[in-house]
Amino acid sequence: MDKSAFLSHIRIYIPGYNEYPLYKARRWTEKYEQGLRHTYSQQRKAIPNQNAFFEKIAQPNLDWYRMFTKPEFKHLVSQRDRTWDDIYYIMENKLRQPKTAHKYLKNTRKAYKDEVRAGLLKDYLPYAAAYYAIEMTFGAWRYLGSINESGEGAFVLASEWLTGRMDCLNFFRDQDERLQGHPALITAPERASEFRKALRNKLSQSVTMIDVFNYGQDRVRKENDRINEFVNGFLKTEMKPFKTDGESHINFTVLPETSKLRRGPELNQVRYRICREFLDETIAQRQLIPPDYLNKLVPEFIHTLVGSPEYPLCVDMRLDIKVSLT
């Protein structure tokens, strides 16, 4: 290949986990609590009485059922020997009964009563905060968050690089590699904003699928093919088409030598640190217990904090980006 046709080559690091800042988790719980009260206030304004319930909830549901039922279905009979007209009449009768509206309004008030809700929040929010922080640590924060508060997330850097944003040179972290070249606008200027957003979403979907399929090479190849095909839909004519392992490409690369079990000793310590921030020591210590004993010692409502029975891998990856002209 003519070297003059080569534009740039970078490698962006995606860690197997990236500890979510705990101050962000605390802020999330504060917003959640405030949102509950605001939601109730707005709900009371929107549905203050029975007439509003009929107008804004009952009738739209009936209209939706009538609108989205295919005509051919209207001639069928259910297992209970009910026609479409029968079912619609039953729905309408139930939704229009005053006791239905009364039950809705009563249960809404009950759910949001300050004294009841305050008690629920006190018990629930610490677990919600710990769960949220753990999910982000082993999930989206791997590629959306900065590493050690340095730079931007992996997919922000990738999308900025491929739309020629020179300020992304400030986003590189110690773990990233700028091998050669500079940011390149690979799409039409008027489509750059659309492309940045769409690429971040596409990369997020692909890394999720790679994780779900436990980093198998066939799945990695399949997702790389999808991403490169997607990029070609935005590509300027003077750019060499993107292809997995081609002269222009976006490739996920798995780094198996650094893989760890998500329920192994090192990552259990990560969970412990997060849980200790929000929960008492006894519950936090359970994050350090070997998985075989979890079912015996961890209460049912904590199971969401300790991962699936398969204890999948936690794997570092790189996103390799190469851009060439035709």
Protein backbone atom coordinates (compact mmCIF):
# COMPACT_ATOMS: atom_id res chain seq x y z
CA MET A 1 0.00 0.00 0.00
CA ASP A 2 1.20 3.55 -0.78
CA LYS A 3 2.27 5.07 2.54
CA SER A 4 0.84 8.44 1.51
CA ALA A 5 -2.63 6.87 1.56
CA PHE A 6 -2.28 5.94 5.23
CA LEU A 7 -3.89 8.46 7.62
CA SER A 8 -3.89 7.18 11.18
CA HIS A 9 -3.66 4.25 13.54
CA ILE A 10 -4.58 4.17 17.25
CA ARG A 11 -5.34 1.56 19.91
CA ILE A 12 -7.79 2.38 22.68
CA TYR A 13 -7.76 0.41 25.91
CA ILE A 14 -11.02 -1.03 27.34
CA PRO A 15 -10.49 -2.44 30.86
CA GLY A 16 -12.24 -5.57 32.06
CA TYR A 17 -13.64 -3.43 34.85
CA ASN A 18 -13.41 0.22 35.76
CA GLU A 19 -14.40 1.19 39.29
CA TYR A 20 -17.35 3.53 39.21
CA PRO A 21 -16.77 6.70 41.27
CA LEU A 22 -18.69 6.27 44.49
CA TYR A 23 -19.63 9.93 44.64
CA LYS A 24 -21.55 9.38 41.40
CA ALA A 25 -23.45 6.47 42.97
CA ARG A 26 -24.34 8.64 45.98
CA ARG A 27 -25.50 11.40 43.64
CA TRP A 28 -27.63 8.85 41.79
CA THR A 29 -29.41 7.84 45.02
CA GLU A 30 -30.05 11.51 45.87
CA LYS A 31 -31.60 12.12 42.47
CA TYR A 32 -33.64 8.93 42.79
CA GLU A 33 -35.10 10.04 46.11
CA GLN A 34 -35.85 13.53 44.85
CA GLY A 35 -37.34 12.10 41.68
CA LEU A 36 -39.83 9.97 43.61
CA ARG A 37 -41.32 12.97 45.33
CA HIS A 38 -41.36 15.02 42.14
CA THR A 39 -42.97 12.14 40.25
CA TYR A 40 -45.76 11.88 42.79
CA SER A 41 -46.37 15.62 42.65
CA GLN A 42 -46.56 15.58 38.86
CA GLN A 43 -48.73 12.47 38.86
CA ARG A 44 -51.22 14.09 41.21
CA LYS A 45 -51.43 17.09 38.90
CA ALA A 46 -51.95 14.89 35.84
CA ILE A 47 -54.47 12.45 37.37
CA PRO A 48 -56.19 14.30 40.22
CA ASN A 49 -59.60 12.57 40.04
CA GLN A 50 -61.78 9.90 38.43
CA ASN A 51 -62.59 11.96 35.33
CA ALA A 52 -58.89 12.44 34.61
CA PHE A 53 -58.31 8.70 35.07
CA PHE A 54 -61.01 7.89 32.50
CA GLU A 55 -59.69 10.48 30.05
CA LYS A 56 -55.93 9.89 30.31
CA ILE A 57 -55.62 6.21 31.23
CA ALA A 58 -58.80 4.23 30.53
CA GLN A 59 -59.74 5.69 27.14
CA PRO A 60 -56.19 5.65 25.65
CA ASN A 61 -55.87 1.98 26.61
CA LEU A 62 -59.15 1.15 24.91
CA ASP A 63 -58.20 3.17 21.84
CA TRP A 64 -54.84 1.40 21.67
CA TYR A 65 -56.48 -2.01 21.85
CA ARG A 66 -58.94 -1.11 19.09
CA MET A 67 -56.24 0.46 16.89
CA PHE A 68 -53.62 -2.28 17.09
CA THR A 69 -55.87 -5.32 16.83
CA LYS A 70 -55.63 -6.68 13.29
CA PRO A 71 -59.01 -6.94 11.52
CA GLU A 72 -58.62 -10.69 10.94
CA PHE A 73 -58.28 -11.24 14.70
CA LYS A 74 -61.72 -9.77 15.31
CA HIS A 75 -63.34 -12.87 13.84
CA LEU A 76 -61.48 -15.29 16.10
CA VAL A 77 -62.65 -16.80 19.37
CA SER A 78 -60.46 -17.13 22.46
CA GLN A 79 -59.88 -20.31 24.46
CA ARG A 80 -62.59 -19.08 26.81
CA ASP A 81 -64.95 -18.83 23.85
CA ARG A 82 -64.86 -15.02 23.84
CA THR A 83 -65.03 -12.94 20.70
CA TRP A 84 -63.08 -9.73 20.17
CA ASP A 85 -66.22 -7.76 21.02
CA ASP A 86 -66.61 -9.73 24.25
CA ILE A 87 -63.03 -9.00 25.32
CA TYR A 88 -63.32 -5.32 24.44
CA TYR A 89 -66.59 -5.02 26.39
CA ILE A 90 -65.00 -6.64 29.48
CA MET A 91 -62.01 -4.29 29.29
CA GLU A 92 -64.20 -1.25 28.83
CA ASN A 93 -66.51 -2.25 31.66
CA LYS A 94 -63.62 -2.75 34.10
CA LEU A 95 -61.76 0.42 33.15
CA ARG A 96 -64.86 2.61 33.33
CA GLN A 97 -66.03 1.39 36.71
CA PRO A 98 -65.60 4.12 39.38
CA LYS A 99 -63.99 1.59 41.71
CA THR A 100 -61.14 1.08 39.20
CA ALA A 101 -60.29 4.77 39.25
CA HIS A 102 -60.71 4.87 43.03
CA LYS A 103 -58.36 1.90 43.44
CA TYR A 104 -55.74 3.53 41.19
CA LEU A 105 -55.83 6.84 43.08
CA LYS A 106 -55.83 5.12 46.47
CA ASN A 107 -52.87 2.87 45.65
CA THR A 108 -50.90 5.76 44.19
CA ARG A 109 -51.35 7.76 47.36
CA LYS A 110 -50.38 4.76 49.45
CA ALA A 111 -47.23 4.10 47.42
CA TYR A 112 -46.00 7.65 47.84
CA LYS A 113 -47.02 8.41 51.41
CA ASP A 114 -44.09 10.20 52.98
CA GLU A 115 -43.88 8.09 56.10
CA VAL A 116 -44.13 4.80 54.18
CA ARG A 117 -41.84 5.90 51.35
CA ALA A 118 -39.23 7.26 53.76
CA GLY A 119 -39.02 3.87 55.42
CA LEU A 120 -38.75 2.07 52.10
CA LEU A 121 -36.06 4.43 50.89
CA LYS A 122 -34.04 4.03 54.05
CA ASP A 123 -33.96 0.24 53.56
CA TYR A 124 -33.76 0.12 49.79
CA LEU A 125 -31.46 2.89 48.62
CA PRO A 126 -28.17 1.58 50.07
CA TYR A 127 -28.67 -1.71 48.22
CA ALA A 128 -29.71 0.14 45.08
CA ALA A 129 -26.59 2.31 45.25
CA ALA A 130 -24.28 -0.69 45.73
CA TYR A 131 -25.97 -2.62 42.93
CA TYR A 132 -25.81 0.38 40.59
CA ALA A 133 -22.10 0.98 41.28
CA ILE A 134 -21.24 -2.70 40.76
CA GLU A 135 -23.21 -2.90 37.53
CA MET A 136 -21.48 0.21 36.19
CA THR A 137 -18.04 -1.02 37.32
CA PHE A 138 -18.34 -4.25 35.33
CA GLY A 139 -20.56 -2.77 32.63
CA ALA A 140 -20.91 0.55 30.87
CA TRP A 141 -18.27 2.43 32.86
CA ARG A 142 -15.61 0.22 31.27
CA TYR A 143 -15.97 2.12 28.02
CA LEU A 144 -17.94 5.26 28.91
CA GLY A 145 -15.93 6.39 31.92
CA SER A 146 -12.43 7.72 32.17
CA ILE A 147 -9.65 5.63 33.73
CA ASN A 148 -8.18 7.05 36.92
CA GLU A 149 -10.07 10.30 36.21
CA SER A 150 -7.81 10.82 33.19
CA GLY A 151 -9.21 11.64 29.76
CA GLU A 152 -12.52 10.50 28.30
CA GLY A 153 -14.10 7.10 27.85
CA ALA A 154 -12.98 4.73 25.09
CA PHE A 155 -15.95 5.20 22.79
CA VAL A 156 -15.94 8.99 23.12
CA LEU A 157 -12.30 8.98 22.03
CA ALA A 158 -13.06 6.65 19.10
CA SER A 159 -15.98 8.72 17.80
CA GLU A 160 -14.11 12.01 18.18
CA TRP A 161 -11.04 10.61 16.41
CA LEU A 162 -13.07 9.43 13.41
CA THR A 163 -14.81 12.79 13.03
CA GLY A 164 -11.60 14.82 12.96
CA ARG A 165 -12.01 16.51 16.34
CA MET A 166 -8.48 17.68 17.17
CA ASP A 167 -9.31 18.27 20.84
CA CYS A 168 -9.58 14.49 21.26
CA LEU A 169 -5.77 14.46 21.36
CA ASN A 170 -6.26 15.56 24.97
CA PHE A 171 -8.42 12.49 25.67
CA PHE A 172 -5.66 9.90 25.39
CA ARG A 173 -4.91 8.04 28.59
CA ASP A 174 -1.75 6.26 29.69
CA GLN A 175 -3.16 2.93 28.50
CA ASP A 176 -4.02 4.16 24.98
CA GLU A 177 -1.63 4.12 22.03
CA ARG A 178 -1.38 6.75 19.32
CA LEU A 179 0.74 4.82 16.82
CA GLN A 180 0.63 7.19 13.88
CA GLY A 181 -1.29 10.06 12.28
CA HIS A 182 -4.00 12.41 13.45
CA PRO A 183 -7.82 12.55 13.79
CA ALA A 184 -9.57 12.06 10.45
CA LEU A 185 -13.04 13.14 9.37
CA ILE A 186 -14.20 9.99 7.58
CA THR A 187 -17.79 11.11 6.94
CA ALA A 188 -19.43 14.17 5.43
CA PRO A 189 -19.21 17.21 7.76
CA GLU A 190 -23.01 17.53 7.95
CA ARG A 191 -23.25 13.90 9.17
CA ALA A 192 -20.43 14.08 11.74
CA SER A 193 -22.69 14.68 14.76
CA GLU A 194 -25.07 11.90 13.74
CA PHE A 195 -22.15 9.54 13.13
CA ARG A 196 -20.53 10.21 16.51
CA LYS A 197 -23.69 9.35 18.41
CA ALA A 198 -24.55 6.34 16.26
CA LEU A 199 -21.00 4.93 16.48
CA ARG A 200 -20.95 5.14 20.28
CA ASN A 201 -24.25 3.26 20.43
CA LYS A 202 -23.06 0.63 17.96
CA LEU A 203 -19.81 0.05 19.85
CA SER A 204 -21.72 -0.23 23.14
CA GLN A 205 -24.06 -2.85 21.66
CA SER A 206 -21.17 -4.86 20.26
CA VAL A 207 -19.05 -4.92 23.40
CA THR A 208 -22.13 -6.04 25.34
CA MET A 209 -22.67 -8.94 22.94
CA ILE A 210 -19.00 -9.91 23.12
CA ASP A 211 -19.29 -9.99 26.90
CA VAL A 212 -22.53 -12.01 26.84
CA PHE A 213 -20.86 -14.62 24.61
CA ASN A 214 -17.87 -14.75 26.96
CA TYR A 215 -15.35 -13.23 24.53
CA GLY A 216 -15.40 -16.09 22.02
CA GLN A 217 -13.38 -15.33 18.88
CA ASP A 218 -16.30 -16.11 16.55
CA ARG A 219 -18.45 -13.53 18.34
CA VAL A 220 -15.66 -10.95 18.34
CA ARG A 221 -15.24 -11.43 14.58
CA LYS A 222 -18.98 -11.16 14.02
CA GLU A 223 -19.24 -7.89 15.95
CA ASN A 224 -16.19 -6.46 14.18
CA ASP A 225 -17.81 -7.27 10.82
CA ARG A 226 -21.01 -5.51 11.92
CA ILE A 227 -19.22 -2.38 13.07
CA ASN A 228 -17.10 -2.06 9.93
CA GLU A 229 -20.15 -2.56 7.73
CA PHE A 230 -21.98 0.09 9.76
CA VAL A 231 -19.11 2.60 9.35
CA ASN A 232 -19.16 2.10 5.58
CA GLY A 233 -22.68 3.48 5.53
CA PHE A 234 -21.28 6.88 6.61
CA LEU A 235 -17.96 6.80 4.75
CA LYS A 236 -16.78 9.48 2.34
CA THR A 237 -15.90 8.20 -1.14
CA GLU A 238 -12.20 9.00 -0.83
CA MET A 239 -11.85 6.75 2.22
CA LYS A 240 -10.88 3.11 1.82
CA PRO A 241 -13.85 0.95 2.88
CA PHE A 242 -13.66 -0.44 6.40
CA LYS A 243 -13.22 -4.19 6.75
CA THR A 244 -12.27 -6.41 9.68
CA ASP A 245 -8.44 -6.58 9.73
CA GLY A 246 -8.38 -4.54 6.51
CA GLU A 247 -6.34 -1.44 5.63
CA SER A 248 -9.13 0.59 7.20
CA HIS A 249 -10.84 -1.05 10.17
CA ILE A 250 -12.34 -0.84 13.66
CA ASN A 251 -11.49 -4.07 15.48
CA PHE A 252 -12.14 -5.24 19.00
CA THR A 253 -9.17 -7.28 20.21
CA VAL A 254 -9.39 -9.49 23.30
CA LEU A 255 -6.46 -9.58 25.73
CA PRO A 256 -6.90 -13.04 27.31
CA GLU A 257 -3.65 -12.92 29.24
CA THR A 258 -5.15 -10.41 31.68
CA SER A 259 -8.54 -12.12 32.11
CA LYS A 260 -9.91 -12.75 35.60
CA LEU A 261 -12.93 -14.48 37.05
CA ARG A 262 -15.55 -11.94 38.06
CA ARG A 263 -16.03 -13.83 41.28
CA GLY A 264 -12.31 -14.38 41.84
CA PRO A 265 -10.43 -12.99 44.87
CA GLU A 266 -9.27 -9.74 43.26
CA LEU A 267 -12.67 -8.72 41.92
CA ASN A 268 -14.42 -9.81 45.09
CA GLN A 269 -12.30 -7.14 46.78
CA VAL A 270 -13.68 -4.59 44.33
CA ARG A 271 -17.23 -5.60 45.24
CA TYR A 272 -16.34 -5.48 48.90
CA ARG A 273 -15.04 -1.91 48.67
CA ILE A 274 -18.22 -0.79 46.91
CA CYS A 275 -20.58 -2.58 49.30
CA ARG A 276 -18.65 -1.35 52.33
CA GLU A 277 -19.34 2.21 51.21
CA PHE A 278 -23.11 1.74 51.32
CA LEU A 279 -23.86 -1.35 53.44
CA ASP A 280 -22.78 -2.64 56.82
CA GLU A 281 -19.61 -4.68 57.31
CA THR A 282 -21.42 -8.02 57.68
CA ILE A 283 -23.06 -7.78 54.28
CA ALA A 284 -19.96 -6.32 52.63
CA GLN A 285 -17.85 -9.23 53.94
CA ARG A 286 -20.09 -11.64 52.07
CA GLN A 287 -18.60 -10.33 48.85
CA LEU A 288 -15.37 -12.08 49.88
CA ILE A 289 -16.97 -15.50 50.48
CA PRO A 290 -16.13 -18.19 47.89
CA PRO A 291 -19.10 -18.65 45.50
CA ASP A 292 -19.87 -22.21 46.68
CA TYR A 293 -21.07 -20.85 50.01
CA LEU A 294 -23.09 -17.92 48.76
CA ASN A 295 -26.43 -19.67 48.51
CA LYS A 296 -26.17 -20.76 52.15
CA LEU A 297 -25.18 -17.42 53.63
CA VAL A 298 -26.49 -14.61 51.45
CA PRO A 299 -30.14 -13.59 51.83
CA GLU A 300 -32.32 -13.75 48.74
CA PHE A 301 -32.47 -9.98 48.30
CA ILE A 302 -28.65 -9.77 48.08
CA HIS A 303 -28.34 -12.26 45.22
CA THR A 304 -28.44 -9.46 42.67
CA LEU A 305 -25.14 -8.15 44.08
CA VAL A 306 -23.10 -11.30 43.68
CA GLY A 307 -23.27 -12.15 40.00
CA SER A 308 -24.62 -15.10 38.06
CA PRO A 309 -23.87 -18.75 38.95
CA GLU A 310 -21.56 -19.04 35.92
CA TYR A 311 -19.17 -16.37 37.28
CA PRO A 312 -18.11 -15.21 33.79
CA LEU A 313 -14.77 -13.74 32.82
CA CYS A 314 -13.67 -10.17 33.21
CA VAL A 315 -11.49 -9.44 30.16
CA ASP A 316 -9.47 -6.45 29.00
CA MET A 317 -9.83 -5.44 25.35
CA ARG A 318 -8.40 -3.01 22.84
CA LEU A 319 -10.22 -1.11 20.12
CA ASP A 320 -7.88 -0.94 17.14
CA ILE A 321 -8.70 1.86 14.64
CA LYS A 322 -6.91 2.28 11.33
CA VAL A 323 -7.86 4.79 8.61
CA SER A 324 -6.60 4.82 5.00
CA LEU A 325 -7.43 6.64 1.77
CA THR A 326 -8.33 4.86 -1.46
